[in-house]
Amino acid sequence: MEVTEDNRYIVSGSGDRAIKVFNIAENRFENNFENAHEARINSLALTPDGQFIVSGSEDNSIKIFDRINEKEIYHFKDAHEGIFV
């Protein structure tokens, strides 16, 4: 789970393979990237401006999503061994 620097959004990724963006100020989900990966999401990060979400999954891929425009912009297949510490 990550919180944007302006403390307006919480971004989470989990075993359901989805990335969810919650708008704290408005108390509602704003974005939902369903089936963002083919397996459990184990790592998640936000760029300092909060626009881009970077996720790593047990499917051995890393993806970058544009939170504001609600779309996947990069998919790095076989980017890692799937072992998280």
N, C-alpha and C. Protein backbone atom coordinates (compact mmCIF):
# COMPACT_ATOMS: atom_id res chain seq x y z
N MET A 1 0.85 -1.17 0.00
CA MET A 1 0.00 0.00 0.00
C MET A 1 0.89 1.23 0.00
N GLU A 2 0.51 2.22 -0.76
CA GLU A 2 1.24 3.49 -0.85
C GLU A 2 0.24 4.64 -0.71
N VAL A 3 0.72 5.74 -0.21
CA VAL A 3 -0.07 6.97 -0.10
C VAL A 3 0.63 8.05 -0.91
N THR A 4 -0.13 8.80 -1.71
CA THR A 4 0.47 9.87 -2.49
C THR A 4 1.03 10.94 -1.56
N GLU A 5 2.02 11.69 -2.04
CA GLU A 5 2.69 12.70 -1.21
C GLU A 5 1.72 13.76 -0.70
N ASP A 6 0.65 14.04 -1.45
CA ASP A 6 -0.32 15.03 -1.00
C ASP A 6 -1.37 14.44 -0.05
N ASN A 7 -1.21 13.15 0.28
CA ASN A 7 -2.11 12.43 1.19
C ASN A 7 -3.57 12.39 0.73
N ARG A 8 -3.78 12.44 -0.58
CA ARG A 8 -5.15 12.40 -1.11
C ARG A 8 -5.57 11.00 -1.53
N TYR A 9 -4.60 10.14 -1.87
CA TYR A 9 -4.94 8.83 -2.42
C TYR A 9 -4.16 7.72 -1.73
N ILE A 10 -4.82 6.58 -1.57
CA ILE A 10 -4.17 5.35 -1.13
C ILE A 10 -4.23 4.39 -2.31
N VAL A 11 -3.11 3.75 -2.62
CA VAL A 11 -3.05 2.79 -3.71
C VAL A 11 -2.67 1.44 -3.12
N SER A 12 -3.43 0.40 -3.48
CA SER A 12 -3.13 -0.93 -2.95
C SER A 12 -3.16 -1.97 -4.06
N GLY A 13 -2.39 -3.02 -3.85
CA GLY A 13 -2.37 -4.18 -4.73
C GLY A 13 -2.37 -5.41 -3.85
N SER A 14 -3.00 -6.51 -4.32
CA SER A 14 -3.12 -7.66 -3.43
C SER A 14 -3.25 -8.97 -4.19
N GLY A 15 -3.65 -9.98 -3.45
CA GLY A 15 -3.80 -11.31 -4.00
C GLY A 15 -4.90 -11.45 -5.02
N ASP A 16 -5.81 -10.50 -5.08
CA ASP A 16 -6.89 -10.58 -6.08
C ASP A 16 -6.44 -10.06 -7.44
N ARG A 17 -5.15 -9.70 -7.57
CA ARG A 17 -4.50 -9.26 -8.82
C ARG A 17 -4.93 -7.87 -9.25
N ALA A 18 -5.67 -7.16 -8.42
CA ALA A 18 -6.16 -5.82 -8.76
C ALA A 18 -5.35 -4.75 -8.05
N ILE A 19 -5.28 -3.59 -8.69
CA ILE A 19 -4.71 -2.39 -8.08
C ILE A 19 -5.89 -1.44 -7.88
N LYS A 20 -6.04 -0.96 -6.65
CA LYS A 20 -7.16 -0.08 -6.34
C LYS A 20 -6.64 1.25 -5.83
N VAL A 21 -7.30 2.33 -6.26
CA VAL A 21 -6.93 3.68 -5.85
C VAL A 21 -8.13 4.26 -5.09
N PHE A 22 -7.88 4.63 -3.85
CA PHE A 22 -8.93 5.19 -3.01
C PHE A 22 -8.68 6.67 -2.79
N ASN A 23 -9.69 7.48 -3.06
CA ASN A 23 -9.62 8.92 -2.86
C ASN A 23 -10.02 9.19 -1.41
N ILE A 24 -9.05 9.55 -0.58
CA ILE A 24 -9.29 9.76 0.85
C ILE A 24 -10.22 10.94 1.08
N ALA A 25 -9.99 12.04 0.39
CA ALA A 25 -10.78 13.26 0.60
C ALA A 25 -12.26 13.05 0.30
N GLU A 26 -12.55 12.26 -0.73
CA GLU A 26 -13.94 12.04 -1.14
C GLU A 26 -14.50 10.71 -0.64
N ASN A 27 -13.68 9.94 0.09
CA ASN A 27 -14.10 8.67 0.68
C ASN A 27 -14.72 7.71 -0.35
N ARG A 28 -13.98 7.53 -1.48
CA ARG A 28 -14.48 6.64 -2.53
C ARG A 28 -13.33 6.08 -3.36
N PHE A 29 -13.58 4.93 -3.98
CA PHE A 29 -12.62 4.38 -4.92
C PHE A 29 -12.69 5.17 -6.21
N GLU A 30 -11.53 5.55 -6.71
CA GLU A 30 -11.47 6.35 -7.91
C GLU A 30 -11.06 5.52 -9.12
N ASN A 31 -10.09 4.68 -8.96
CA ASN A 31 -9.60 3.82 -10.05
C ASN A 31 -9.57 2.39 -9.54
N ASN A 32 -9.77 1.47 -10.44
CA ASN A 32 -9.62 0.06 -10.12
C ASN A 32 -9.08 -0.63 -11.36
N PHE A 33 -7.83 -1.05 -11.27
CA PHE A 33 -7.21 -1.79 -12.37
C PHE A 33 -7.41 -3.27 -12.07
N GLU A 34 -8.57 -3.82 -12.48
CA GLU A 34 -8.87 -5.22 -12.22
C GLU A 34 -7.96 -6.10 -13.07
N ASN A 35 -7.58 -7.23 -12.51
CA ASN A 35 -6.70 -8.18 -13.20
C ASN A 35 -5.47 -7.48 -13.77
N ALA A 36 -4.87 -6.63 -12.95
CA ALA A 36 -3.68 -5.90 -13.37
C ALA A 36 -2.54 -6.86 -13.69
N HIS A 37 -2.50 -7.99 -13.00
CA HIS A 37 -1.48 -9.02 -13.22
C HIS A 37 -2.16 -10.38 -13.31
N GLU A 38 -1.37 -11.38 -13.68
CA GLU A 38 -1.89 -12.74 -13.76
C GLU A 38 -1.77 -13.49 -12.44
N ALA A 39 -1.08 -12.90 -11.48
CA ALA A 39 -0.90 -13.53 -10.17
C ALA A 39 -0.86 -12.43 -9.11
N ARG A 40 -0.70 -12.84 -7.88
CA ARG A 40 -0.68 -11.94 -6.72
C ARG A 40 0.29 -10.78 -6.92
N ILE A 41 -0.12 -9.58 -6.52
CA ILE A 41 0.74 -8.40 -6.57
C ILE A 41 1.48 -8.33 -5.24
N ASN A 42 2.81 -8.33 -5.31
CA ASN A 42 3.62 -8.34 -4.08
C ASN A 42 4.30 -7.02 -3.79
N SER A 43 4.41 -6.16 -4.78
CA SER A 43 5.07 -4.89 -4.53
C SER A 43 4.38 -3.79 -5.32
N LEU A 44 4.44 -2.60 -4.73
CA LEU A 44 3.74 -1.47 -5.32
C LEU A 44 4.46 -0.20 -4.94
N ALA A 45 4.58 0.73 -5.89
CA ALA A 45 5.22 2.02 -5.62
C ALA A 45 4.54 3.09 -6.47
N LEU A 46 4.63 4.31 -5.98
CA LEU A 46 4.10 5.46 -6.70
C LEU A 46 5.24 6.40 -7.05
N THR A 47 5.13 7.07 -8.19
CA THR A 47 6.08 8.13 -8.48
C THR A 47 5.79 9.30 -7.53
N PRO A 48 6.78 10.16 -7.28
CA PRO A 48 6.57 11.26 -6.33
C PRO A 48 5.37 12.15 -6.65
N ASP A 49 5.04 12.31 -7.93
CA ASP A 49 3.89 13.15 -8.28
C ASP A 49 2.56 12.39 -8.18
N GLY A 50 2.61 11.09 -7.90
CA GLY A 50 1.40 10.29 -7.74
C GLY A 50 0.72 9.89 -9.03
N GLN A 51 1.31 10.21 -10.17
CA GLN A 51 0.66 9.89 -11.44
C GLN A 51 0.85 8.44 -11.86
N PHE A 52 2.02 7.88 -11.59
CA PHE A 52 2.32 6.53 -12.08
C PHE A 52 2.44 5.54 -10.93
N ILE A 53 1.89 4.34 -11.18
CA ILE A 53 1.94 3.24 -10.24
C ILE A 53 2.84 2.17 -10.85
N VAL A 54 3.79 1.66 -10.08
CA VAL A 54 4.67 0.58 -10.53
C VAL A 54 4.34 -0.63 -9.67
N SER A 55 4.08 -1.77 -10.31
CA SER A 55 3.71 -2.96 -9.55
C SER A 55 4.55 -4.15 -9.99
N GLY A 56 4.83 -5.03 -9.02
CA GLY A 56 5.54 -6.28 -9.27
C GLY A 56 4.68 -7.42 -8.80
N SER A 57 4.71 -8.52 -9.54
CA SER A 57 3.80 -9.63 -9.26
C SER A 57 4.52 -10.98 -9.27
N GLU A 58 3.85 -11.97 -8.68
CA GLU A 58 4.34 -13.34 -8.72
C GLU A 58 4.29 -13.92 -10.13
N ASP A 59 3.70 -13.22 -11.08
CA ASP A 59 3.72 -13.66 -12.47
C ASP A 59 5.04 -13.28 -13.16
N ASN A 60 5.99 -12.77 -12.35
CA ASN A 60 7.34 -12.39 -12.80
C ASN A 60 7.36 -11.15 -13.67
N SER A 61 6.34 -10.34 -13.60
CA SER A 61 6.30 -9.14 -14.41
C SER A 61 6.28 -7.89 -13.55
N ILE A 62 6.66 -6.80 -14.18
CA ILE A 62 6.56 -5.47 -13.59
C ILE A 62 5.73 -4.65 -14.57
N LYS A 63 4.77 -3.90 -14.03
CA LYS A 63 3.93 -3.06 -14.89
C LYS A 63 3.93 -1.63 -14.37
N ILE A 64 3.72 -0.71 -15.30
CA ILE A 64 3.58 0.70 -14.95
C ILE A 64 2.22 1.16 -15.45
N PHE A 65 1.46 1.79 -14.54
CA PHE A 65 0.13 2.28 -14.86
C PHE A 65 0.09 3.79 -14.70
N ASP A 66 -0.65 4.44 -15.57
CA ASP A 66 -0.91 5.87 -15.46
C ASP A 66 -2.19 6.00 -14.64
N ARG A 67 -2.06 6.43 -13.38
CA ARG A 67 -3.20 6.52 -12.48
C ARG A 67 -4.22 7.55 -12.96
N ILE A 68 -3.76 8.67 -13.45
CA ILE A 68 -4.65 9.75 -13.85
C ILE A 68 -5.46 9.40 -15.10
N ASN A 69 -4.80 8.81 -16.09
CA ASN A 69 -5.47 8.44 -17.34
C ASN A 69 -6.03 7.02 -17.32
N GLU A 70 -5.84 6.33 -16.18
CA GLU A 70 -6.41 5.00 -15.95
C GLU A 70 -6.06 3.98 -17.03
N LYS A 71 -4.74 3.85 -17.31
CA LYS A 71 -4.35 2.84 -18.30
C LYS A 71 -2.96 2.29 -18.01
N GLU A 72 -2.74 1.07 -18.46
CA GLU A 72 -1.43 0.44 -18.37
C GLU A 72 -0.56 1.02 -19.47
N ILE A 73 0.68 1.40 -19.12
CA ILE A 73 1.53 1.98 -20.16
C ILE A 73 2.77 1.14 -20.47
N TYR A 74 3.23 0.30 -19.54
CA TYR A 74 4.36 -0.59 -19.80
C TYR A 74 4.14 -1.93 -19.12
N HIS A 75 4.62 -2.99 -19.76
CA HIS A 75 4.55 -4.33 -19.20
C HIS A 75 5.89 -5.02 -19.48
N PHE A 76 6.64 -5.25 -18.41
CA PHE A 76 7.93 -5.92 -18.52
C PHE A 76 7.74 -7.37 -18.12
N LYS A 77 7.67 -8.27 -19.10
CA LYS A 77 7.48 -9.70 -18.82
C LYS A 77 8.80 -10.30 -18.37
N ASP A 78 8.71 -11.33 -17.53
CA ASP A 78 9.89 -12.03 -17.01
C ASP A 78 10.94 -11.05 -16.48
N ALA A 79 10.47 -10.05 -15.76
CA ALA A 79 11.35 -9.00 -15.24
C ALA A 79 12.11 -9.42 -13.99
N HIS A 80 11.63 -10.44 -13.31
CA HIS A 80 12.29 -10.89 -12.08
C HIS A 80 11.94 -12.35 -11.85
N GLU A 81 12.53 -12.91 -10.82
CA GLU A 81 12.37 -14.33 -10.52
C GLU A 81 11.13 -14.63 -9.70
N GLY A 82 10.38 -13.62 -9.29
CA GLY A 82 9.17 -13.85 -8.52
C GLY A 82 9.42 -14.07 -7.05
N ILE A 83 10.65 -13.83 -6.59
CA ILE A 83 10.98 -14.02 -5.18
C ILE A 83 11.03 -12.64 -4.54
N PHE A 84 10.20 -12.45 -3.53
CA PHE A 84 10.12 -11.17 -2.85
C PHE A 84 10.57 -11.32 -1.41
N VAL A 85 11.23 -10.32 -0.91
CA VAL A 85 11.72 -10.35 0.47
C VAL A 85 11.03 -9.27 1.26
